[in-house]
Amino acid sequence: MAATLVFASRSAPVVPGPLDEALWYARALGWPAAPGTVEPMDPVTAATTDPRLLSAYWADAPRAAVRLAAGVRFDVLDVPGAAGAWALDRVERQGLPVGPVAATGTGRTQFFVAPGVADDLPALLDWLDWADLDLDLRAYGEGDTVAAPSPWPATWRSPWPRSWEHARWLRPPVDPGRMPPVNDLAAPAALPHVDVRFPDVTRLIGTLAHACQHVRLFPRPRVRGPRLLTHHRPGAA
């Protein structure tokens, strides 16, 4: 079965699959992608932005989950879900740009930040006087991959279960209204490149550390879970 199916009517929406997601990340954002399992290589080695390689990967495994390589175009700060909700609420109440934020299938929240932050995290935590505490604040950078949140609206119909999706965007990197048509993803013409805005990392790390400590001391914070926005552009005023 092809990765992309089209309804009979020309005006009907295109239903995307995992290959389309990988192509979108690779071509619109420049984020290297790979299937979760690529024999005999691992996703870190296989990750690419080359549409031909991506198409070949998913030809062998059409329902394989999409993984994104960290350390190239972004790093990821990963915290428990309750801490993520607390931090996201705090940052947005202050009117600060938050950047892309995702919820994982294991109940954690991931904040996408500029590449290189993962390597600098220990020094930044030490500088902010958080180094001696067990915060459960994880970082993914060069040599790591993360589950790719689906860029498609959850309301889009699919002829198969979207079981390959192991994460979802809480604050997507691109306003859904600015996404290119799915049919354009495999076209040879270049797609308009999207400039993803990342947050001020020092301020964000301080907030995340505070959030992790807060939920560790007070396991039931009074903050609701992060709201899923469908028309939000990170960094927009």
C-alpha atoms as a PDB file:
ATOM      1  CA  MET A   1       0.000   0.000   0.000  1.00  0.00           C
ATOM      2  CA  ALA A   2       1.370   3.420  -0.876  1.00  0.00           C
ATOM      3  CA  ALA A   3       2.236   5.753   1.952  1.00  0.00           C
ATOM      4  CA  THR A   4      -0.163   8.398   0.668  1.00  0.00           C
ATOM      5  CA  LEU A   5      -3.754   7.775  -0.336  1.00  0.00           C
ATOM      6  CA  VAL A   6      -6.058  10.220  -2.109  1.00  0.00           C
ATOM      7  CA  PHE A   7      -9.819  10.203  -1.850  1.00  0.00           C
ATOM      8  CA  ALA A   8     -11.753   9.833  -5.080  1.00  0.00           C
ATOM      9  CA  SER A   9     -12.777  13.464  -5.246  1.00  0.00           C
ATOM     10  CA  ARG A  10     -10.081  15.947  -6.274  1.00  0.00           C
ATOM     11  CA  SER A  11     -11.287  18.331  -3.589  1.00  0.00           C
ATOM     12  CA  ALA A  12     -11.040  15.711  -0.840  1.00  0.00           C
ATOM     13  CA  PRO A  13      -8.083  15.855   1.565  1.00  0.00           C
ATOM     14  CA  VAL A  14      -5.000  13.757   1.132  1.00  0.00           C
ATOM     15  CA  VAL A  15      -4.492  11.233   3.901  1.00  0.00           C
ATOM     16  CA  PRO A  16      -0.826  11.182   4.967  1.00  0.00           C
ATOM     17  CA  GLY A  17       1.280   8.274   6.120  1.00  0.00           C
ATOM     18  CA  PRO A  18       4.667   7.901   7.827  1.00  0.00           C
ATOM     19  CA  LEU A  19       6.659   8.537   4.632  1.00  0.00           C
ATOM     20  CA  ASP A  20       4.831  11.829   4.140  1.00  0.00           C
ATOM     21  CA  GLU A  21       5.728  12.833   7.683  1.00  0.00           C
ATOM     22  CA  ALA A  22       9.388  12.019   7.112  1.00  0.00           C
ATOM     23  CA  LEU A  23       9.417  13.931   3.821  1.00  0.00           C
ATOM     24  CA  TRP A  24       7.768  16.933   5.423  1.00  0.00           C
ATOM     25  CA  TYR A  25      10.306  17.125   8.241  1.00  0.00           C
ATOM     26  CA  ALA A  26      13.204  16.593   5.836  1.00  0.00           C
ATOM     27  CA  ARG A  27      12.113  18.980   3.098  1.00  0.00           C
ATOM     28  CA  ALA A  28      10.246  21.746   4.918  1.00  0.00           C
ATOM     29  CA  LEU A  29      12.307  21.905   8.119  1.00  0.00           C
ATOM     30  CA  GLY A  30      15.585  20.291   7.086  1.00  0.00           C
ATOM     31  CA  TRP A  31      15.322  17.799   9.970  1.00  0.00           C
ATOM     32  CA  PRO A  32      16.961  14.417   9.185  1.00  0.00           C
ATOM     33  CA  ALA A  33      14.529  11.516   9.564  1.00  0.00           C
ATOM     34  CA  ALA A  34      14.637   7.718   9.498  1.00  0.00           C
ATOM     35  CA  PRO A  35      12.327   4.790  10.238  1.00  0.00           C
ATOM     36  CA  GLY A  36      12.445   3.458  13.760  1.00  0.00           C
ATOM     37  CA  THR A  37      14.124   0.279  12.495  1.00  0.00           C
ATOM     38  CA  VAL A  38      16.415   0.285   9.476  1.00  0.00           C
ATOM     39  CA  GLU A  39      18.305  -2.974   9.053  1.00  0.00           C
ATOM     40  CA  PRO A  40      21.264  -3.238   9.336  1.00  0.00           C
ATOM     41  CA  MET A  41      21.649   0.429  10.364  1.00  0.00           C
ATOM     42  CA  ASP A  42      20.247   2.208  13.391  1.00  0.00           C
ATOM     43  CA  PRO A  43      18.104   5.347  12.963  1.00  0.00           C
ATOM     44  CA  VAL A  44      20.957   7.677  13.957  1.00  0.00           C
ATOM     45  CA  THR A  45      23.143   6.364  11.137  1.00  0.00           C
ATOM     46  CA  ALA A  46      20.286   6.175   8.644  1.00  0.00           C
ATOM     47  CA  ALA A  47      18.762   9.620   9.306  1.00  0.00           C
ATOM     48  CA  THR A  48      18.728  11.748   6.173  1.00  0.00           C
ATOM     49  CA  THR A  49      16.969  14.585   4.377  1.00  0.00           C
ATOM     50  CA  ASP A  50      17.350  12.897   0.971  1.00  0.00           C
ATOM     51  CA  PRO A  51      13.838  12.184  -0.392  1.00  0.00           C
ATOM     52  CA  ARG A  52      15.105   9.232  -2.441  1.00  0.00           C
ATOM     53  CA  LEU A  53      16.604   7.489   0.573  1.00  0.00           C
ATOM     54  CA  LEU A  54      13.529   8.191   2.670  1.00  0.00           C
ATOM     55  CA  SER A  55      11.269   6.747  -0.025  1.00  0.00           C
ATOM     56  CA  ALA A  56      13.460   3.644  -0.202  1.00  0.00           C
ATOM     57  CA  TYR A  57      13.370   3.172   3.574  1.00  0.00           C
ATOM     58  CA  TRP A  58       9.574   3.286   3.749  1.00  0.00           C
ATOM     59  CA  ALA A  59       9.118   1.155   0.640  1.00  0.00           C
ATOM     60  CA  ASP A  60      10.425  -1.704   2.766  1.00  0.00           C
ATOM     61  CA  ALA A  61       8.475  -0.742   5.907  1.00  0.00           C
ATOM     62  CA  PRO A  62       5.450   1.431   4.984  1.00  0.00           C
ATOM     63  CA  ARG A  63       4.127   1.665   8.566  1.00  0.00           C
ATOM     64  CA  ALA A  64       7.446   2.237  10.326  1.00  0.00           C
ATOM     65  CA  ALA A  65       7.407   5.031  12.893  1.00  0.00           C
ATOM     66  CA  VAL A  66       9.351   8.184  12.056  1.00  0.00           C
ATOM     67  CA  ARG A  67      12.406   9.094  14.126  1.00  0.00           C
ATOM     68  CA  LEU A  68      14.114  12.497  13.998  1.00  0.00           C
ATOM     69  CA  ALA A  69      17.859  12.896  14.491  1.00  0.00           C
ATOM     70  CA  ALA A  70      18.738  15.347  17.248  1.00  0.00           C
ATOM     71  CA  GLY A  71      21.945  17.360  17.304  1.00  0.00           C
ATOM     72  CA  VAL A  72      21.712  18.587  13.703  1.00  0.00           C
ATOM     73  CA  ARG A  73      18.886  21.116  13.515  1.00  0.00           C
ATOM     74  CA  PHE A  74      17.629  20.858  17.092  1.00  0.00           C
ATOM     75  CA  ASP A  75      18.226  19.331  20.519  1.00  0.00           C
ATOM     76  CA  VAL A  76      15.513  18.218  22.941  1.00  0.00           C
ATOM     77  CA  LEU A  77      14.974  18.810  26.656  1.00  0.00           C
ATOM     78  CA  ASP A  78      12.725  16.088  28.093  1.00  0.00           C
ATOM     79  CA  VAL A  79      10.853  16.331  31.410  1.00  0.00           C
ATOM     80  CA  PRO A  80       7.995  14.482  33.159  1.00  0.00           C
ATOM     81  CA  GLY A  81       4.585  15.418  31.803  1.00  0.00           C
ATOM     82  CA  ALA A  82       3.486  17.244  34.953  1.00  0.00           C
ATOM     83  CA  ALA A  83       6.675  19.308  34.945  1.00  0.00           C
ATOM     84  CA  GLY A  84       6.183  20.061  31.265  1.00  0.00           C
ATOM     85  CA  ALA A  85       2.647  21.303  31.874  1.00  0.00           C
ATOM     86  CA  TRP A  86       3.826  23.456  34.785  1.00  0.00           C
ATOM     87  CA  ALA A  87       6.714  24.941  32.777  1.00  0.00           C
ATOM     88  CA  LEU A  88       4.664  25.549  29.647  1.00  0.00           C
ATOM     89  CA  ASP A  89       1.993  27.324  31.662  1.00  0.00           C
ATOM     90  CA  ARG A  90       4.628  29.477  33.395  1.00  0.00           C
ATOM     91  CA  VAL A  91       6.449  30.441  30.187  1.00  0.00           C
ATOM     92  CA  GLU A  92       3.285  31.350  28.312  1.00  0.00           C
ATOM     93  CA  ARG A  93       1.893  33.352  31.224  1.00  0.00           C
ATOM     94  CA  GLN A  94       5.085  35.409  31.056  1.00  0.00           C
ATOM     95  CA  GLY A  95       4.498  36.005  27.354  1.00  0.00           C
ATOM     96  CA  LEU A  96       7.792  34.398  26.340  1.00  0.00           C
ATOM     97  CA  PRO A  97       8.373  32.392  23.145  1.00  0.00           C
ATOM     98  CA  VAL A  98       8.397  28.694  23.955  1.00  0.00           C
ATOM     99  CA  GLY A  99       9.381  27.069  20.665  1.00  0.00           C
ATOM    100  CA  PRO A 100       8.153  23.640  19.557  1.00  0.00           C
ATOM    101  CA  VAL A 101       6.841  21.390  22.343  1.00  0.00           C
ATOM    102  CA  ALA A 102       5.707  17.757  22.051  1.00  0.00           C
ATOM    103  CA  ALA A 103       4.028  15.173  24.272  1.00  0.00           C
ATOM    104  CA  THR A 104       5.438  11.649  24.083  1.00  0.00           C
ATOM    105  CA  GLY A 105       3.583   8.367  24.270  1.00  0.00           C
ATOM    106  CA  THR A 106       5.253   7.663  27.623  1.00  0.00           C
ATOM    107  CA  GLY A 107       3.775  10.699  29.364  1.00  0.00           C
ATOM    108  CA  ARG A 108       6.728  13.070  29.088  1.00  0.00           C
ATOM    109  CA  THR A 109       7.016  16.530  27.540  1.00  0.00           C
ATOM    110  CA  GLN A 110       9.768  17.480  25.103  1.00  0.00           C
ATOM    111  CA  PHE A 111      10.944  21.033  24.460  1.00  0.00           C
ATOM    112  CA  PHE A 112      12.803  21.467  21.174  1.00  0.00           C
ATOM    113  CA  VAL A 113      15.771  23.813  21.491  1.00  0.00           C
ATOM    114  CA  ALA A 114      18.751  24.932  19.420  1.00  0.00           C
ATOM    115  CA  PRO A 115      21.399  22.312  18.589  1.00  0.00           C
ATOM    116  CA  GLY A 116      24.250  22.128  21.078  1.00  0.00           C
ATOM    117  CA  VAL A 117      22.106  22.670  24.169  1.00  0.00           C
ATOM    118  CA  ALA A 118      22.312  18.998  25.194  1.00  0.00           C
ATOM    119  CA  ASP A 119      26.095  19.228  25.500  1.00  0.00           C
ATOM    120  CA  ASP A 120      25.856  22.487  27.443  1.00  0.00           C
ATOM    121  CA  LEU A 121      23.112  21.336  29.833  1.00  0.00           C
ATOM    122  CA  PRO A 122      25.350  20.161  32.722  1.00  0.00           C
ATOM    123  CA  ALA A 123      27.268  23.447  32.733  1.00  0.00           C
ATOM    124  CA  LEU A 124      24.074  25.495  32.494  1.00  0.00           C
ATOM    125  CA  LEU A 125      22.458  23.606  35.381  1.00  0.00           C
ATOM    126  CA  ASP A 126      25.609  24.149  37.436  1.00  0.00           C
ATOM    127  CA  TRP A 127      25.610  27.874  36.620  1.00  0.00           C
ATOM    128  CA  LEU A 128      21.931  28.089  37.617  1.00  0.00           C
ATOM    129  CA  ASP A 129      22.611  26.203  40.898  1.00  0.00           C
ATOM    130  CA  TRP A 130      20.521  23.178  39.926  1.00  0.00           C
ATOM    131  CA  ALA A 131      23.352  20.699  39.322  1.00  0.00           C
ATOM    132  CA  ASP A 132      23.177  18.862  42.662  1.00  0.00           C
ATOM    133  CA  LEU A 133      19.514  17.836  42.422  1.00  0.00           C
ATOM    134  CA  ASP A 134      17.938  14.807  40.753  1.00  0.00           C
ATOM    135  CA  LEU A 135      15.579  16.703  38.456  1.00  0.00           C
ATOM    136  CA  ASP A 136      14.712  13.977  35.903  1.00  0.00           C
ATOM    137  CA  LEU A 137      15.590  16.524  33.211  1.00  0.00           C
ATOM    138  CA  ARG A 138      16.953  14.672  30.185  1.00  0.00           C
ATOM    139  CA  ALA A 139      18.650  16.007  27.078  1.00  0.00           C
ATOM    140  CA  TYR A 140      18.900  14.524  23.585  1.00  0.00           C
ATOM    141  CA  GLY A 141      21.529  15.784  21.173  1.00  0.00           C
ATOM    142  CA  GLU A 142      24.052  14.441  18.695  1.00  0.00           C
ATOM    143  CA  GLY A 143      23.815  10.655  18.475  1.00  0.00           C
ATOM    144  CA  ASP A 144      20.188  10.541  19.652  1.00  0.00           C
ATOM    145  CA  THR A 145      16.832  10.310  17.927  1.00  0.00           C
ATOM    146  CA  VAL A 146      13.344  11.189  19.138  1.00  0.00           C
ATOM    147  CA  ALA A 147       9.890  10.108  18.012  1.00  0.00           C
ATOM    148  CA  ALA A 148       8.521  12.438  15.365  1.00  0.00           C
ATOM    149  CA  PRO A 149       5.226  14.048  16.399  1.00  0.00           C
ATOM    150  CA  SER A 150       2.723  13.936  13.571  1.00  0.00           C
ATOM    151  CA  PRO A 151       2.520  17.322  11.827  1.00  0.00           C
ATOM    152  CA  TRP A 152      -0.971  16.533  10.576  1.00  0.00           C
ATOM    153  CA  PRO A 153      -4.110  17.640  12.438  1.00  0.00           C
ATOM    154  CA  ALA A 154      -5.578  14.880  14.590  1.00  0.00           C
ATOM    155  CA  THR A 155      -8.945  15.487  12.911  1.00  0.00           C
ATOM    156  CA  TRP A 156      -7.697  14.295   9.517  1.00  0.00           C
ATOM    157  CA  ARG A 157      -9.246  10.970   8.562  1.00  0.00           C
ATOM    158  CA  SER A 158      -7.019   7.970   7.966  1.00  0.00           C
ATOM    159  CA  PRO A 159      -7.919   4.643   6.326  1.00  0.00           C
ATOM    160  CA  TRP A 160      -5.640   2.833   8.804  1.00  0.00           C
ATOM    161  CA  PRO A 161      -4.889   3.217  12.531  1.00  0.00           C
ATOM    162  CA  ARG A 162      -2.263   5.916  13.082  1.00  0.00           C
ATOM    163  CA  SER A 163      -0.361   3.473  15.273  1.00  0.00           C
ATOM    164  CA  TRP A 164       3.042   4.661  14.042  1.00  0.00           C
ATOM    165  CA  GLU A 165       2.550   7.988  15.811  1.00  0.00           C
ATOM    166  CA  HIS A 166       4.215   7.876  19.217  1.00  0.00           C
ATOM    167  CA  ALA A 167       4.153  11.619  19.953  1.00  0.00           C
ATOM    168  CA  ARG A 168       2.019  14.677  19.216  1.00  0.00           C
ATOM    169  CA  TRP A 169       2.725  18.367  19.019  1.00  0.00           C
ATOM    170  CA  LEU A 170       1.466  20.574  21.832  1.00  0.00           C
ATOM    171  CA  ARG A 171       3.063  23.619  20.206  1.00  0.00           C
ATOM    172  CA  PRO A 172       3.960  22.734  16.604  1.00  0.00           C
ATOM    173  CA  PRO A 173       7.006  24.212  14.846  1.00  0.00           C
ATOM    174  CA  VAL A 174       4.829  25.495  12.014  1.00  0.00           C
ATOM    175  CA  ASP A 175       1.354  26.950  11.901  1.00  0.00           C
ATOM    176  CA  PRO A 176      -0.776  24.202  10.261  1.00  0.00           C
ATOM    177  CA  GLY A 177      -2.132  26.819   7.872  1.00  0.00           C
ATOM    178  CA  ARG A 178       1.358  27.296   6.406  1.00  0.00           C
ATOM    179  CA  MET A 179       2.045  23.616   5.723  1.00  0.00           C
ATOM    180  CA  PRO A 180       2.632  22.610   2.078  1.00  0.00           C
ATOM    181  CA  PRO A 181       0.167  20.253   0.376  1.00  0.00           C
ATOM    182  CA  VAL A 182       1.050  16.610   0.951  1.00  0.00           C
ATOM    183  CA  ASN A 183       1.190  15.966  -2.792  1.00  0.00           C
ATOM    184  CA  ASP A 184       4.105  18.431  -3.062  1.00  0.00           C
ATOM    185  CA  LEU A 185       6.344  16.586  -0.602  1.00  0.00           C
ATOM    186  CA  ALA A 186       7.862  14.157  -3.115  1.00  0.00           C
ATOM    187  CA  ALA A 187       8.001  16.677  -5.977  1.00  0.00           C
ATOM    188  CA  PRO A 188      11.500  17.599  -7.219  1.00  0.00           C
ATOM    189  CA  ALA A 189      10.872  21.331  -6.821  1.00  0.00           C
ATOM    190  CA  ALA A 190      12.137  22.783  -3.561  1.00  0.00           C
ATOM    191  CA  LEU A 191       9.632  23.522  -0.823  1.00  0.00           C
ATOM    192  CA  PRO A 192       9.699  26.885   0.962  1.00  0.00           C
ATOM    193  CA  HIS A 193      12.046  26.414   3.923  1.00  0.00           C
ATOM    194  CA  VAL A 194      10.536  27.102   7.335  1.00  0.00           C
ATOM    195  CA  ASP A 195      12.657  28.907   9.913  1.00  0.00           C
ATOM    196  CA  VAL A 196      11.907  27.341  13.309  1.00  0.00           C
ATOM    197  CA  ARG A 197      12.306  29.698  16.255  1.00  0.00           C
ATOM    198  CA  PHE A 198      13.729  28.275  19.454  1.00  0.00           C
ATOM    199  CA  PRO A 199      13.328  29.745  22.959  1.00  0.00           C
ATOM    200  CA  ASP A 200      15.901  31.488  25.127  1.00  0.00           C
ATOM    201  CA  VAL A 201      17.609  28.397  26.496  1.00  0.00           C
ATOM    202  CA  THR A 202      18.927  29.797  29.779  1.00  0.00           C
ATOM    203  CA  ARG A 203      15.515  31.051  30.816  1.00  0.00           C
ATOM    204  CA  LEU A 204      13.837  27.831  29.658  1.00  0.00           C
ATOM    205  CA  ILE A 205      16.271  25.556  31.498  1.00  0.00           C
ATOM    206  CA  GLY A 206      15.764  27.532  34.689  1.00  0.00           C
ATOM    207  CA  THR A 207      12.005  27.176  34.324  1.00  0.00           C
ATOM    208  CA  LEU A 208      12.221  23.450  33.536  1.00  0.00           C
ATOM    209  CA  ALA A 209      14.497  22.804  36.509  1.00  0.00           C
ATOM    210  CA  HIS A 210      12.110  24.699  38.775  1.00  0.00           C
ATOM    211  CA  ALA A 211       9.179  22.742  37.321  1.00  0.00           C
ATOM    212  CA  CYS A 212      10.883  19.373  37.856  1.00  0.00           C
ATOM    213  CA  GLN A 213      11.691  20.250  41.449  1.00  0.00           C
ATOM    214  CA  HIS A 214       8.165  21.562  42.017  1.00  0.00           C
ATOM    215  CA  VAL A 215       6.419  18.391  40.832  1.00  0.00           C
ATOM    216  CA  ARG A 216       8.898  16.233  42.740  1.00  0.00           C
ATOM    217  CA  LEU A 217       8.051  18.013  45.994  1.00  0.00           C
ATOM    218  CA  PHE A 218       4.363  18.470  45.183  1.00  0.00           C
ATOM    219  CA  PRO A 219       3.295  15.452  43.085  1.00  0.00           C
ATOM    220  CA  ARG A 220      -0.142  16.862  42.283  1.00  0.00           C
ATOM    221  CA  PRO A 221       0.344  20.379  40.881  1.00  0.00           C
ATOM    222  CA  ARG A 222      -2.738  22.465  40.186  1.00  0.00           C
ATOM    223  CA  VAL A 223      -1.745  23.070  36.594  1.00  0.00           C
ATOM    224  CA  ARG A 224      -3.873  21.568  33.872  1.00  0.00           C
ATOM    225  CA  GLY A 225      -2.200  19.575  31.134  1.00  0.00           C
ATOM    226  CA  PRO A 226      -0.827  21.513  28.164  1.00  0.00           C
ATOM    227  CA  ARG A 227      -3.480  22.631  25.737  1.00  0.00           C
ATOM    228  CA  LEU A 228      -3.200  21.308  22.210  1.00  0.00           C
ATOM    229  CA  LEU A 229      -3.082  24.281  19.847  1.00  0.00           C
ATOM    230  CA  THR A 230      -3.867  23.790  16.182  1.00  0.00           C
ATOM    231  CA  HIS A 231      -2.989  27.280  14.959  1.00  0.00           C
ATOM    232  CA  HIS A 232       0.054  28.369  16.918  1.00  0.00           C
ATOM    233  CA  ARG A 233       3.374  29.611  15.584  1.00  0.00           C
ATOM    234  CA  PRO A 234       6.192  29.377  18.141  1.00  0.00           C
ATOM    235  CA  GLY A 235       7.884  32.687  18.682  1.00  0.00           C
ATOM    236  CA  ALA A 236       4.975  34.693  17.291  1.00  0.00           C
ATOM    237  CA  ALA A 237       4.191  37.875  19.135  1.00  0.00           C
END
